[in-house]
């Protein structure tokens, strides 16, 4: 049986400022956090089931903040000129279009 524990509110600490400071000071960590943010959002963007994977419903600012970033990295794949994948394309063409889109 699981027992639920309650944390004392006066003893809980926020590590957001510490995490943001650590990432701001370390370029490698900042680069990895930005890549993680963009990679996750790209994956959500290319998923077919838009009821579940709707990029518009994700609070990008809070997501970036949870990774220790001060702001959301620029998302170039969200614009209207992105590559459209149609049902008339072969599987190989669809795959190469997705790979091209992810590399942009």
C-alpha atoms as a PDB file:
ATOM      1  CA  UNK A   1       0.000   0.000   0.000  1.00  0.00           C
ATOM      2  CA  UNK A   2       1.299   3.441  -0.900  1.00  0.00           C
ATOM      3  CA  UNK A   3       1.371   6.198   1.640  1.00  0.00           C
ATOM      4  CA  UNK A   4       1.109   9.793   0.443  1.00  0.00           C
ATOM      5  CA  UNK A   5       3.542  12.223   2.019  1.00  0.00           C
ATOM      6  CA  UNK A   6       2.979  15.928   2.420  1.00  0.00           C
ATOM      7  CA  UNK A   7       5.967  18.243   2.126  1.00  0.00           C
ATOM      8  CA  UNK A   8       6.158  21.150   4.509  1.00  0.00           C
ATOM      9  CA  UNK A   9       5.534  24.309   2.484  1.00  0.00           C
ATOM     10  CA  UNK A  10       7.891  26.416   4.579  1.00  0.00           C
ATOM     11  CA  UNK A  11      10.779  23.988   3.951  1.00  0.00           C
ATOM     12  CA  UNK A  12      10.406  23.560   0.205  1.00  0.00           C
ATOM     13  CA  UNK A  13      12.877  25.380  -2.012  1.00  0.00           C
ATOM     14  CA  UNK A  14      12.747  26.340  -5.667  1.00  0.00           C
ATOM     15  CA  UNK A  15      15.775  25.424  -7.741  1.00  0.00           C
ATOM     16  CA  UNK A  16      14.711  27.358 -10.859  1.00  0.00           C
ATOM     17  CA  UNK A  17      17.075  30.280 -10.231  1.00  0.00           C
ATOM     18  CA  UNK A  18      19.972  27.967  -9.413  1.00  0.00           C
ATOM     19  CA  UNK A  19      19.340  25.832 -12.486  1.00  0.00           C
ATOM     20  CA  UNK A  20      19.052  28.882 -14.759  1.00  0.00           C
ATOM     21  CA  UNK A  21      22.281  30.312 -13.327  1.00  0.00           C
ATOM     22  CA  UNK A  22      24.098  27.007 -13.796  1.00  0.00           C
ATOM     23  CA  UNK A  23      22.968  26.718 -17.411  1.00  0.00           C
ATOM     24  CA  UNK A  24      23.811  30.371 -18.128  1.00  0.00           C
ATOM     25  CA  UNK A  25      27.351  29.845 -16.840  1.00  0.00           C
ATOM     26  CA  UNK A  26      27.995  26.573 -18.691  1.00  0.00           C
ATOM     27  CA  UNK A  27      27.773  26.818 -22.499  1.00  0.00           C
ATOM     28  CA  UNK A  28      27.726  23.037 -22.946  1.00  0.00           C
ATOM     29  CA  UNK A  29      24.704  22.663 -20.676  1.00  0.00           C
ATOM     30  CA  UNK A  30      22.954  25.564 -22.412  1.00  0.00           C
ATOM     31  CA  UNK A  31      23.562  24.002 -25.808  1.00  0.00           C
ATOM     32  CA  UNK A  32      22.214  20.638 -24.630  1.00  0.00           C
ATOM     33  CA  UNK A  33      19.147  22.234 -23.032  1.00  0.00           C
ATOM     34  CA  UNK A  34      18.364  24.172 -26.234  1.00  0.00           C
ATOM     35  CA  UNK A  35      18.789  21.043 -28.349  1.00  0.00           C
ATOM     36  CA  UNK A  36      16.541  19.064 -26.018  1.00  0.00           C
ATOM     37  CA  UNK A  37      13.865  21.757 -26.159  1.00  0.00           C
ATOM     38  CA  UNK A  38      13.924  22.053 -29.954  1.00  0.00           C
ATOM     39  CA  UNK A  39      14.094  18.263 -30.452  1.00  0.00           C
ATOM     40  CA  UNK A  40      11.074  17.632 -28.262  1.00  0.00           C
ATOM     41  CA  UNK A  41       9.020  20.374 -29.904  1.00  0.00           C
ATOM     42  CA  UNK A  42       9.995  19.142 -33.393  1.00  0.00           C
ATOM     43  CA  UNK A  43       8.889  15.628 -32.497  1.00  0.00           C
ATOM     44  CA  UNK A  44       5.537  16.915 -31.287  1.00  0.00           C
ATOM     45  CA  UNK A  45       5.212  19.018 -34.446  1.00  0.00           C
ATOM     46  CA  UNK A  46       5.708  16.090 -36.866  1.00  0.00           C
ATOM     47  CA  UNK A  47       3.427  13.622 -35.080  1.00  0.00           C
ATOM     48  CA  UNK A  48       0.324  12.761 -37.080  1.00  0.00           C
ATOM     49  CA  UNK A  49      -2.265  12.581 -34.287  1.00  0.00           C
ATOM     50  CA  UNK A  50      -2.860  16.302 -33.712  1.00  0.00           C
ATOM     51  CA  UNK A  51      -5.495  15.649 -31.035  1.00  0.00           C
ATOM     52  CA  UNK A  52      -2.737  14.350 -28.792  1.00  0.00           C
ATOM     53  CA  UNK A  53       0.334  16.081 -30.227  1.00  0.00           C
ATOM     54  CA  UNK A  54      -0.783  19.692 -30.691  1.00  0.00           C
ATOM     55  CA  UNK A  55       2.150  22.068 -30.606  1.00  0.00           C
ATOM     56  CA  UNK A  56      -0.174  25.020 -30.047  1.00  0.00           C
ATOM     57  CA  UNK A  57      -1.360  23.644 -26.710  1.00  0.00           C
ATOM     58  CA  UNK A  58       2.133  23.332 -25.234  1.00  0.00           C
ATOM     59  CA  UNK A  59       3.233  26.257 -23.084  1.00  0.00           C
ATOM     60  CA  UNK A  60       6.648  26.662 -24.686  1.00  0.00           C
ATOM     61  CA  UNK A  61       7.808  29.263 -22.165  1.00  0.00           C
ATOM     62  CA  UNK A  62       7.149  26.991 -19.188  1.00  0.00           C
ATOM     63  CA  UNK A  63       8.706  24.032 -20.994  1.00  0.00           C
ATOM     64  CA  UNK A  64      11.887  26.006 -21.724  1.00  0.00           C
ATOM     65  CA  UNK A  65      11.921  27.245 -18.130  1.00  0.00           C
ATOM     66  CA  UNK A  66      11.674  23.653 -16.884  1.00  0.00           C
ATOM     67  CA  UNK A  67      14.895  22.943 -18.800  1.00  0.00           C
ATOM     68  CA  UNK A  68      16.585  25.931 -17.168  1.00  0.00           C
ATOM     69  CA  UNK A  69      16.419  28.196 -20.219  1.00  0.00           C
ATOM     70  CA  UNK A  70      15.538  31.858 -19.888  1.00  0.00           C
ATOM     71  CA  UNK A  71      13.549  31.875 -23.153  1.00  0.00           C
ATOM     72  CA  UNK A  72      12.375  29.505 -25.870  1.00  0.00           C
ATOM     73  CA  UNK A  73      14.932  28.794 -28.596  1.00  0.00           C
ATOM     74  CA  UNK A  74      13.906  29.969 -32.058  1.00  0.00           C
ATOM     75  CA  UNK A  75      11.696  27.367 -33.701  1.00  0.00           C
ATOM     76  CA  UNK A  76      12.273  27.615 -37.440  1.00  0.00           C
ATOM     77  CA  UNK A  77      10.195  24.559 -38.347  1.00  0.00           C
ATOM     78  CA  UNK A  78       6.871  26.079 -37.254  1.00  0.00           C
ATOM     79  CA  UNK A  79       6.557  28.559 -40.124  1.00  0.00           C
ATOM     80  CA  UNK A  80       4.104  28.095 -43.013  1.00  0.00           C
ATOM     81  CA  UNK A  81       6.846  27.358 -45.534  1.00  0.00           C
ATOM     82  CA  UNK A  82       7.701  24.046 -43.901  1.00  0.00           C
ATOM     83  CA  UNK A  83       7.818  20.977 -46.096  1.00  0.00           C
ATOM     84  CA  UNK A  84       4.388  19.469 -46.606  1.00  0.00           C
ATOM     85  CA  UNK A  85       4.180  15.679 -46.590  1.00  0.00           C
ATOM     86  CA  UNK A  86       1.338  14.410 -48.740  1.00  0.00           C
ATOM     87  CA  UNK A  87      -0.265  11.016 -49.211  1.00  0.00           C
ATOM     88  CA  UNK A  88       0.857  10.961 -52.855  1.00  0.00           C
ATOM     89  CA  UNK A  89       4.520  10.769 -51.826  1.00  0.00           C
ATOM     90  CA  UNK A  90       6.213   7.397 -51.612  1.00  0.00           C
ATOM     91  CA  UNK A  91       7.450   6.239 -48.217  1.00  0.00           C
ATOM     92  CA  UNK A  92      11.048   7.007 -49.211  1.00  0.00           C
ATOM     93  CA  UNK A  93      10.056  10.542 -50.263  1.00  0.00           C
ATOM     94  CA  UNK A  94       8.138  11.071 -47.014  1.00  0.00           C
ATOM     95  CA  UNK A  95      11.109   9.834 -44.986  1.00  0.00           C
ATOM     96  CA  UNK A  96      13.584  12.056 -46.840  1.00  0.00           C
ATOM     97  CA  UNK A  97      11.229  15.052 -46.445  1.00  0.00           C
ATOM     98  CA  UNK A  98      10.982  14.461 -42.694  1.00  0.00           C
ATOM     99  CA  UNK A  99      14.749  14.117 -42.388  1.00  0.00           C
ATOM    100  CA  UNK A 100      15.249  17.303 -44.401  1.00  0.00           C
ATOM    101  CA  UNK A 101      12.715  19.111 -42.210  1.00  0.00           C
ATOM    102  CA  UNK A 102      14.455  17.973 -39.004  1.00  0.00           C
ATOM    103  CA  UNK A 103      17.855  19.095 -40.290  1.00  0.00           C
ATOM    104  CA  UNK A 104      16.606  22.621 -40.999  1.00  0.00           C
END
